[in-house]
């Protein structure tokens, strides 16, 4: 009986490890794909927690954000972002990113949206990749090749 429990525990631990390794690998591959797509349009330079993205001599702060498909993303302000999965709420303090003195782009993957933002205390709206919200442009990774060329044309 003890041998069975030990073997079962080892199998469960190995399964969790394999799942975690595959999950990390997939995230890394998606991030590489996003970076590859973006370098078609401009230069990327890695900073601490974000990138500097230069398109036609205009520098953007670029943040790549992973939000699970089952999660909801909302922007409470330019400094506080919220990821919600069922009853689990993760508030992200993005003050360091919001304080950049340049326009900002947020690429969200794998979740395709819609994403919410609080216009004020009473109004909640959906983001639109063609509009800036608090100097942020929110782009699902599936729309990179649609939206970035628009920025490349200076809009």
N, C-alpha and C. Protein backbone atom coordinates (compact mmCIF):
# COMPACT_ATOMS: atom_id res chain seq x y z
N UNK A 1 0.82 -1.20 0.00
CA UNK A 1 0.00 0.00 0.00
C UNK A 1 0.87 1.26 0.00
N UNK A 2 1.93 1.26 0.84
CA UNK A 2 2.81 2.42 0.90
C UNK A 2 3.54 2.62 -0.43
N UNK A 3 3.90 1.53 -1.07
CA UNK A 3 4.58 1.63 -2.36
C UNK A 3 3.66 2.24 -3.41
N UNK A 4 2.40 1.85 -3.37
CA UNK A 4 1.41 2.40 -4.31
C UNK A 4 1.26 3.90 -4.12
N UNK A 5 1.16 4.35 -2.87
CA UNK A 5 1.04 5.79 -2.59
C UNK A 5 2.29 6.55 -3.03
N UNK A 6 3.45 5.96 -2.79
CA UNK A 6 4.69 6.59 -3.20
C UNK A 6 4.78 6.72 -4.72
N UNK A 7 4.45 5.66 -5.42
CA UNK A 7 4.48 5.67 -6.89
C UNK A 7 3.46 6.67 -7.43
N UNK A 8 2.28 6.68 -6.86
CA UNK A 8 1.24 7.62 -7.29
C UNK A 8 1.68 9.06 -7.07
N UNK A 9 2.27 9.33 -5.91
CA UNK A 9 2.76 10.69 -5.61
C UNK A 9 3.86 11.10 -6.58
N UNK A 10 4.77 10.21 -6.88
CA UNK A 10 5.85 10.51 -7.83
C UNK A 10 5.29 10.78 -9.22
N UNK A 11 4.32 9.98 -9.64
CA UNK A 11 3.69 10.19 -10.96
C UNK A 11 2.99 11.54 -11.02
N UNK A 12 2.29 11.91 -9.94
CA UNK A 12 1.60 13.21 -9.91
C UNK A 12 2.61 14.35 -9.97
N UNK A 13 3.68 14.26 -9.19
CA UNK A 13 4.70 15.32 -9.18
C UNK A 13 5.36 15.43 -10.56
N UNK A 14 5.69 14.32 -11.17
CA UNK A 14 6.30 14.35 -12.51
C UNK A 14 5.33 14.94 -13.53
N UNK A 15 4.04 14.59 -13.43
CA UNK A 15 3.04 15.14 -14.35
C UNK A 15 2.92 16.65 -14.21
N UNK A 16 2.91 17.13 -12.97
CA UNK A 16 2.84 18.58 -12.73
C UNK A 16 4.08 19.27 -13.28
N UNK A 17 5.24 18.69 -13.06
CA UNK A 17 6.48 19.25 -13.60
C UNK A 17 6.47 19.32 -15.12
N UNK A 18 6.03 18.25 -15.75
CA UNK A 18 5.96 18.23 -17.21
C UNK A 18 4.99 19.29 -17.71
N UNK A 19 3.83 19.40 -17.08
CA UNK A 19 2.84 20.41 -17.46
C UNK A 19 3.44 21.81 -17.33
N UNK A 20 4.12 22.08 -16.21
CA UNK A 20 4.72 23.39 -15.98
C UNK A 20 5.79 23.70 -17.02
N UNK A 21 6.63 22.74 -17.34
CA UNK A 21 7.69 22.94 -18.34
C UNK A 21 7.08 23.25 -19.70
N UNK A 22 6.05 22.50 -20.08
CA UNK A 22 5.37 22.76 -21.37
C UNK A 22 4.74 24.13 -21.38
N UNK A 23 4.08 24.51 -20.27
CA UNK A 23 3.44 25.82 -20.15
C UNK A 23 4.48 26.94 -20.31
N UNK A 24 5.62 26.82 -19.63
CA UNK A 24 6.69 27.84 -19.74
C UNK A 24 7.23 27.91 -21.15
N UNK A 25 7.43 26.77 -21.77
CA UNK A 25 7.94 26.72 -23.13
C UNK A 25 6.97 27.41 -24.10
N UNK A 26 5.67 27.13 -23.97
CA UNK A 26 4.68 27.76 -24.85
C UNK A 26 4.67 29.27 -24.66
N UNK A 27 4.74 29.74 -23.42
CA UNK A 27 4.77 31.19 -23.16
C UNK A 27 6.00 31.83 -23.78
N UNK A 28 7.12 31.16 -23.65
CA UNK A 28 8.36 31.69 -24.23
C UNK A 28 8.26 31.75 -25.75
N UNK A 29 7.67 30.73 -26.36
CA UNK A 29 7.51 30.70 -27.82
C UNK A 29 6.58 31.82 -28.29
N UNK A 30 5.49 32.03 -27.57
CA UNK A 30 4.56 33.11 -27.96
C UNK A 30 5.25 34.46 -27.82
N UNK A 31 6.00 34.66 -26.75
CA UNK A 31 6.72 35.92 -26.57
C UNK A 31 7.75 36.12 -27.68
N UNK A 32 8.48 35.08 -28.05
CA UNK A 32 9.43 35.17 -29.17
C UNK A 32 8.71 35.51 -30.47
N UNK A 33 7.54 34.92 -30.68
CA UNK A 33 6.76 35.20 -31.88
C UNK A 33 6.31 36.67 -31.91
N UNK A 34 5.87 37.17 -30.77
CA UNK A 34 5.45 38.58 -30.68
C UNK A 34 6.64 39.49 -30.98
N UNK A 35 7.78 39.20 -30.39
CA UNK A 35 8.98 40.02 -30.62
C UNK A 35 9.39 39.95 -32.09
N UNK A 36 9.30 38.78 -32.67
CA UNK A 36 9.63 38.63 -34.10
C UNK A 36 8.69 39.45 -34.97
N UNK A 37 7.41 39.42 -34.65
CA UNK A 37 6.45 40.22 -35.42
C UNK A 37 6.76 41.71 -35.29
N UNK A 38 7.05 42.15 -34.08
CA UNK A 38 7.29 43.57 -33.85
C UNK A 38 8.57 44.07 -34.53
N UNK A 39 9.59 43.22 -34.60
CA UNK A 39 10.85 43.67 -35.21
C UNK A 39 10.72 43.87 -36.72
N UNK A 40 9.63 43.41 -37.31
CA UNK A 40 9.38 43.71 -38.73
C UNK A 40 9.07 45.19 -38.92
N UNK A 41 8.59 45.84 -37.86
CA UNK A 41 8.12 47.22 -37.98
C UNK A 41 9.05 48.23 -37.32
N UNK A 42 9.94 47.79 -36.45
CA UNK A 42 10.82 48.72 -35.76
C UNK A 42 11.83 47.98 -34.91
N UNK A 43 12.57 48.76 -34.12
CA UNK A 43 13.61 48.20 -33.27
C UNK A 43 13.10 48.03 -31.86
N UNK A 44 13.47 46.92 -31.24
CA UNK A 44 13.10 46.64 -29.86
C UNK A 44 14.35 46.62 -28.98
N UNK A 45 14.25 47.25 -27.83
CA UNK A 45 15.35 47.22 -26.87
C UNK A 45 14.77 46.84 -25.51
N UNK A 46 15.29 45.78 -24.91
CA UNK A 46 14.79 45.29 -23.62
C UNK A 46 15.25 46.19 -22.50
N UNK A 47 14.31 46.64 -21.70
CA UNK A 47 14.62 47.36 -20.47
C UNK A 47 14.35 46.40 -19.31
N UNK A 48 14.16 46.90 -18.13
CA UNK A 48 13.99 46.05 -16.96
C UNK A 48 12.78 45.12 -17.09
N UNK A 49 11.58 45.69 -17.10
CA UNK A 49 10.35 44.88 -17.16
C UNK A 49 9.56 45.14 -18.44
N UNK A 50 10.09 45.93 -19.31
CA UNK A 50 9.38 46.29 -20.54
C UNK A 50 10.41 46.48 -21.65
N UNK A 51 9.90 46.87 -22.81
CA UNK A 51 10.76 47.12 -23.97
C UNK A 51 10.60 48.58 -24.40
N UNK A 52 11.60 49.07 -25.10
CA UNK A 52 11.48 50.33 -25.83
C UNK A 52 11.34 49.94 -27.29
N UNK A 53 10.27 50.39 -27.91
CA UNK A 53 9.95 50.03 -29.29
C UNK A 53 10.04 51.30 -30.13
N UNK A 54 10.97 51.33 -31.08
CA UNK A 54 11.19 52.50 -31.91
C UNK A 54 10.61 52.26 -33.30
N UNK A 55 9.60 53.07 -33.65
CA UNK A 55 8.99 53.01 -34.98
C UNK A 55 9.12 54.40 -35.60
N UNK A 56 9.77 54.50 -36.75
CA UNK A 56 9.93 55.79 -37.44
C UNK A 56 10.42 56.88 -36.50
N UNK A 57 11.43 56.58 -35.71
CA UNK A 57 12.02 57.51 -34.75
C UNK A 57 11.07 57.98 -33.67
N UNK A 58 9.99 57.27 -33.45
CA UNK A 58 9.10 57.53 -32.32
C UNK A 58 9.27 56.36 -31.36
N UNK A 59 9.63 56.68 -30.11
CA UNK A 59 9.82 55.64 -29.11
C UNK A 59 8.54 55.39 -28.33
N UNK A 60 8.22 54.11 -28.18
CA UNK A 60 7.08 53.67 -27.40
C UNK A 60 7.59 52.79 -26.26
N UNK A 61 6.94 52.88 -25.11
CA UNK A 61 7.15 51.86 -24.09
C UNK A 61 6.28 50.67 -24.48
N UNK A 62 6.81 49.48 -24.41
CA UNK A 62 6.07 48.29 -24.82
C UNK A 62 6.07 47.28 -23.68
N UNK A 63 4.89 46.82 -23.32
CA UNK A 63 4.75 45.81 -22.27
C UNK A 63 4.01 44.62 -22.85
N UNK A 64 4.56 43.43 -22.66
CA UNK A 64 3.92 42.21 -23.13
C UNK A 64 3.30 41.53 -21.91
N UNK A 65 1.99 41.39 -21.93
CA UNK A 65 1.23 40.92 -20.77
C UNK A 65 0.53 39.61 -21.07
N UNK A 66 0.79 38.60 -20.25
CA UNK A 66 0.10 37.31 -20.39
C UNK A 66 -1.15 37.33 -19.54
N UNK A 67 -2.29 37.08 -20.20
CA UNK A 67 -3.58 36.97 -19.52
C UNK A 67 -4.22 35.69 -20.04
N UNK A 68 -4.49 34.75 -19.17
CA UNK A 68 -5.07 33.48 -19.56
C UNK A 68 -6.39 33.64 -20.30
N UNK A 69 -6.72 32.67 -21.14
CA UNK A 69 -7.96 32.73 -21.91
C UNK A 69 -9.20 32.79 -21.04
N UNK A 70 -9.15 32.22 -19.85
CA UNK A 70 -10.32 32.21 -18.96
C UNK A 70 -10.36 33.43 -18.05
N UNK A 71 -9.39 34.30 -18.16
CA UNK A 71 -9.30 35.46 -17.28
C UNK A 71 -9.89 36.70 -17.95
N UNK A 72 -10.17 37.68 -17.14
CA UNK A 72 -10.65 38.99 -17.60
C UNK A 72 -9.60 40.03 -17.25
N UNK A 73 -9.40 40.97 -18.15
CA UNK A 73 -8.43 42.04 -17.94
C UNK A 73 -9.16 43.37 -17.94
N UNK A 74 -8.88 44.18 -16.93
CA UNK A 74 -9.42 45.54 -16.93
C UNK A 74 -8.33 46.50 -16.47
N UNK A 75 -8.43 47.70 -16.97
CA UNK A 75 -7.50 48.77 -16.65
C UNK A 75 -8.24 49.75 -15.75
N UNK A 76 -7.95 49.68 -14.44
CA UNK A 76 -8.63 50.54 -13.49
C UNK A 76 -8.15 51.98 -13.62
N UNK A 77 -6.90 52.14 -13.98
CA UNK A 77 -6.30 53.44 -14.27
C UNK A 77 -5.04 53.14 -15.09
N UNK A 78 -4.29 54.18 -15.43
CA UNK A 78 -3.06 53.91 -16.17
C UNK A 78 -2.02 53.22 -15.29
N UNK A 79 -2.20 53.26 -13.97
CA UNK A 79 -1.23 52.68 -13.06
C UNK A 79 -1.66 51.36 -12.42
N UNK A 80 -2.96 51.10 -12.36
CA UNK A 80 -3.47 49.88 -11.72
C UNK A 80 -4.24 49.07 -12.76
N UNK A 81 -3.73 47.87 -13.03
CA UNK A 81 -4.38 46.94 -13.96
C UNK A 81 -4.85 45.74 -13.16
N UNK A 82 -5.92 45.12 -13.63
CA UNK A 82 -6.52 44.02 -12.89
C UNK A 82 -6.72 42.80 -13.78
N UNK A 83 -6.19 41.67 -13.32
CA UNK A 83 -6.46 40.39 -13.96
C UNK A 83 -7.37 39.61 -13.02
N UNK A 84 -8.48 39.12 -13.57
CA UNK A 84 -9.46 38.42 -12.74
C UNK A 84 -9.71 37.03 -13.32
N UNK A 85 -9.54 36.02 -12.48
CA UNK A 85 -9.85 34.65 -12.86
C UNK A 85 -10.80 34.11 -11.80
N UNK A 86 -12.06 33.91 -12.19
CA UNK A 86 -13.11 33.49 -11.26
C UNK A 86 -13.13 34.45 -10.09
N UNK A 87 -12.87 33.97 -8.87
CA UNK A 87 -12.87 34.85 -7.69
C UNK A 87 -11.49 35.37 -7.32
N UNK A 88 -10.48 35.02 -8.09
CA UNK A 88 -9.12 35.44 -7.81
C UNK A 88 -8.83 36.75 -8.55
N UNK A 89 -8.51 37.79 -7.81
CA UNK A 89 -8.21 39.10 -8.40
C UNK A 89 -6.75 39.42 -8.16
N UNK A 90 -6.06 39.75 -9.25
CA UNK A 90 -4.65 40.11 -9.18
C UNK A 90 -4.52 41.57 -9.65
N UNK A 91 -4.26 42.47 -8.70
CA UNK A 91 -4.04 43.88 -9.04
C UNK A 91 -2.56 44.08 -9.33
N UNK A 92 -2.27 44.72 -10.44
CA UNK A 92 -0.88 44.95 -10.85
C UNK A 92 -0.59 46.44 -10.77
N UNK A 93 0.43 46.79 -10.00
CA UNK A 93 0.86 48.18 -9.89
C UNK A 93 1.83 48.45 -11.04
N UNK A 94 1.38 49.20 -12.02
CA UNK A 94 2.18 49.48 -13.21
C UNK A 94 2.69 50.93 -13.22
N UNK A 95 2.92 51.48 -12.04
CA UNK A 95 3.37 52.87 -11.92
C UNK A 95 4.66 53.11 -12.69
N UNK A 96 5.60 52.16 -12.60
CA UNK A 96 6.88 52.32 -13.30
C UNK A 96 6.68 52.44 -14.81
N UNK A 97 5.69 51.72 -15.34
CA UNK A 97 5.41 51.78 -16.78
C UNK A 97 4.62 53.04 -17.12
N UNK A 98 3.65 53.38 -16.28
CA UNK A 98 2.82 54.57 -16.52
C UNK A 98 3.65 55.85 -16.48
N UNK A 99 4.74 55.86 -15.70
CA UNK A 99 5.56 57.06 -15.56
C UNK A 99 6.54 57.28 -16.71
N UNK A 100 6.57 56.37 -17.69
CA UNK A 100 7.43 56.59 -18.85
C UNK A 100 6.97 57.84 -19.58
N UNK A 101 7.91 58.63 -20.04
CA UNK A 101 7.60 59.87 -20.74
C UNK A 101 7.43 59.64 -22.23
N UNK A 102 6.71 58.61 -22.61
CA UNK A 102 6.50 58.30 -24.02
C UNK A 102 5.19 57.55 -24.15
N UNK A 103 4.63 57.51 -25.36
CA UNK A 103 3.41 56.71 -25.54
C UNK A 103 3.71 55.23 -25.26
N UNK A 104 2.66 54.51 -24.90
CA UNK A 104 2.86 53.13 -24.48
C UNK A 104 1.96 52.17 -25.26
N UNK A 105 2.49 50.96 -25.47
CA UNK A 105 1.75 49.88 -26.13
C UNK A 105 1.74 48.69 -25.18
N UNK A 106 0.58 48.07 -25.04
CA UNK A 106 0.47 46.85 -24.26
C UNK A 106 -0.01 45.76 -25.21
N UNK A 107 0.80 44.71 -25.36
CA UNK A 107 0.43 43.55 -26.16
C UNK A 107 -0.07 42.48 -25.19
N UNK A 108 -1.30 42.02 -25.39
CA UNK A 108 -1.90 41.04 -24.50
C UNK A 108 -2.00 39.70 -25.22
N UNK A 109 -1.56 38.64 -24.54
CA UNK A 109 -1.66 37.29 -25.11
C UNK A 109 -1.99 36.32 -23.99
N UNK A 110 -2.51 35.14 -24.18
CA UNK A 110 -3.21 34.65 -25.36
C UNK A 110 -4.66 35.12 -25.41
N UNK A 111 -5.11 35.78 -24.34
CA UNK A 111 -6.48 36.26 -24.26
C UNK A 111 -6.72 37.31 -25.35
N UNK A 112 -7.76 37.12 -26.15
CA UNK A 112 -8.05 38.03 -27.26
C UNK A 112 -9.03 39.14 -26.90
N UNK A 113 -9.46 39.19 -25.66
CA UNK A 113 -10.34 40.26 -25.23
C UNK A 113 -11.78 39.81 -25.16
N UNK A 114 -12.69 40.72 -24.97
CA UNK A 114 -12.49 42.18 -24.87
C UNK A 114 -11.89 42.56 -23.52
N UNK A 115 -11.24 43.72 -23.48
CA UNK A 115 -10.64 44.24 -22.27
C UNK A 115 -11.43 45.48 -21.86
N UNK A 116 -11.51 45.70 -20.57
CA UNK A 116 -12.29 46.82 -20.04
C UNK A 116 -11.36 47.90 -19.51
N UNK A 117 -11.88 49.13 -19.49
CA UNK A 117 -11.19 50.18 -18.77
C UNK A 117 -12.24 51.09 -18.13
N UNK A 118 -11.84 51.69 -17.04
CA UNK A 118 -12.72 52.59 -16.30
C UNK A 118 -12.44 54.01 -16.76
N UNK A 119 -13.39 54.55 -17.54
CA UNK A 119 -13.25 55.92 -18.02
C UNK A 119 -13.30 56.89 -16.83
N UNK A 120 -14.20 56.64 -15.93
CA UNK A 120 -14.30 57.33 -14.65
C UNK A 120 -15.01 56.39 -13.69
N UNK A 121 -15.41 56.88 -12.52
CA UNK A 121 -16.01 55.99 -11.53
C UNK A 121 -17.32 55.36 -11.99
N UNK A 122 -18.00 55.99 -12.94
CA UNK A 122 -19.32 55.52 -13.34
C UNK A 122 -19.36 54.84 -14.70
N UNK A 123 -18.32 54.99 -15.50
CA UNK A 123 -18.35 54.48 -16.87
C UNK A 123 -17.26 53.43 -17.12
N UNK A 124 -17.71 52.27 -17.55
CA UNK A 124 -16.80 51.21 -17.95
C UNK A 124 -16.95 51.04 -19.45
N UNK A 125 -15.82 50.99 -20.16
CA UNK A 125 -15.86 50.84 -21.61
C UNK A 125 -14.93 49.72 -22.04
N UNK A 126 -15.13 49.26 -23.27
CA UNK A 126 -14.23 48.29 -23.88
C UNK A 126 -13.10 49.03 -24.57
N UNK A 127 -11.91 48.45 -24.52
CA UNK A 127 -10.78 49.06 -25.21
C UNK A 127 -10.93 48.86 -26.72
N UNK A 128 -10.29 49.73 -27.46
CA UNK A 128 -10.25 49.65 -28.91
C UNK A 128 -8.78 49.84 -29.30
N UNK A 129 -8.25 48.91 -30.05
CA UNK A 129 -6.82 48.94 -30.39
C UNK A 129 -6.43 50.19 -31.18
N UNK A 130 -7.41 50.84 -31.80
CA UNK A 130 -7.11 52.04 -32.58
C UNK A 130 -7.13 53.31 -31.75
N UNK A 131 -7.53 53.19 -30.48
CA UNK A 131 -7.64 54.38 -29.62
C UNK A 131 -6.64 54.29 -28.47
N UNK A 132 -6.16 55.46 -28.07
CA UNK A 132 -5.31 55.54 -26.89
C UNK A 132 -6.18 55.74 -25.65
N UNK A 133 -5.81 55.05 -24.59
CA UNK A 133 -6.46 55.22 -23.29
C UNK A 133 -5.35 55.57 -22.32
N UNK A 134 -5.37 56.76 -21.77
CA UNK A 134 -4.32 57.23 -20.86
C UNK A 134 -2.94 57.05 -21.47
N UNK A 135 -2.80 57.36 -22.71
CA UNK A 135 -1.53 57.21 -23.43
C UNK A 135 -1.11 55.75 -23.58
N UNK A 136 -2.07 54.82 -23.44
CA UNK A 136 -1.84 53.39 -23.64
C UNK A 136 -2.60 52.95 -24.88
N UNK A 137 -1.98 52.10 -25.66
CA UNK A 137 -2.68 51.44 -26.76
C UNK A 137 -2.67 49.95 -26.44
N UNK A 138 -3.85 49.36 -26.25
CA UNK A 138 -3.98 47.95 -25.86
C UNK A 138 -4.24 47.14 -27.12
N UNK A 139 -3.35 46.17 -27.39
CA UNK A 139 -3.43 45.40 -28.64
C UNK A 139 -3.38 43.91 -28.31
N UNK A 140 -4.42 43.15 -28.71
CA UNK A 140 -4.30 41.69 -28.58
C UNK A 140 -3.22 41.19 -29.56
N UNK A 141 -2.50 40.17 -29.17
CA UNK A 141 -1.38 39.72 -30.02
C UNK A 141 -1.84 39.30 -31.41
N UNK A 142 -3.10 38.91 -31.55
CA UNK A 142 -3.60 38.49 -32.87
C UNK A 142 -3.77 39.67 -33.82
N UNK A 143 -3.73 40.91 -33.30
CA UNK A 143 -3.92 42.09 -34.15
C UNK A 143 -2.65 42.90 -34.36
N UNK A 144 -1.51 42.33 -34.00
CA UNK A 144 -0.25 43.07 -34.15
C UNK A 144 -0.04 43.50 -35.60
N UNK A 145 -0.20 42.58 -36.53
CA UNK A 145 0.05 42.90 -37.94
C UNK A 145 -1.01 43.82 -38.54
N UNK A 146 -2.09 44.03 -37.83
CA UNK A 146 -3.12 44.96 -38.28
C UNK A 146 -2.91 46.36 -37.71
N UNK A 147 -2.50 46.45 -36.44
CA UNK A 147 -2.43 47.74 -35.75
C UNK A 147 -1.05 48.40 -35.86
N UNK A 148 0.01 47.65 -35.74
CA UNK A 148 1.36 48.24 -35.75
C UNK A 148 1.65 48.99 -37.05
N UNK A 149 1.24 48.47 -38.24
CA UNK A 149 1.48 49.27 -39.45
C UNK A 149 0.78 50.63 -39.41
N UNK A 150 -0.34 50.71 -38.72
CA UNK A 150 -1.02 52.02 -38.57
C UNK A 150 -0.15 52.95 -37.76
N UNK A 151 0.47 52.45 -36.68
CA UNK A 151 1.39 53.28 -35.89
C UNK A 151 2.61 53.63 -36.72
N UNK A 152 3.05 52.69 -37.55
CA UNK A 152 4.21 52.91 -38.40
C UNK A 152 3.98 54.05 -39.39
N UNK A 153 2.70 54.28 -39.73
CA UNK A 153 2.35 55.38 -40.62
C UNK A 153 2.13 56.68 -39.87
N UNK A 154 2.41 56.67 -38.56
CA UNK A 154 2.35 57.90 -37.77
C UNK A 154 1.00 58.23 -37.22
N UNK A 155 0.09 57.29 -37.09
CA UNK A 155 -1.24 57.59 -36.55
C UNK A 155 -1.36 57.13 -35.13
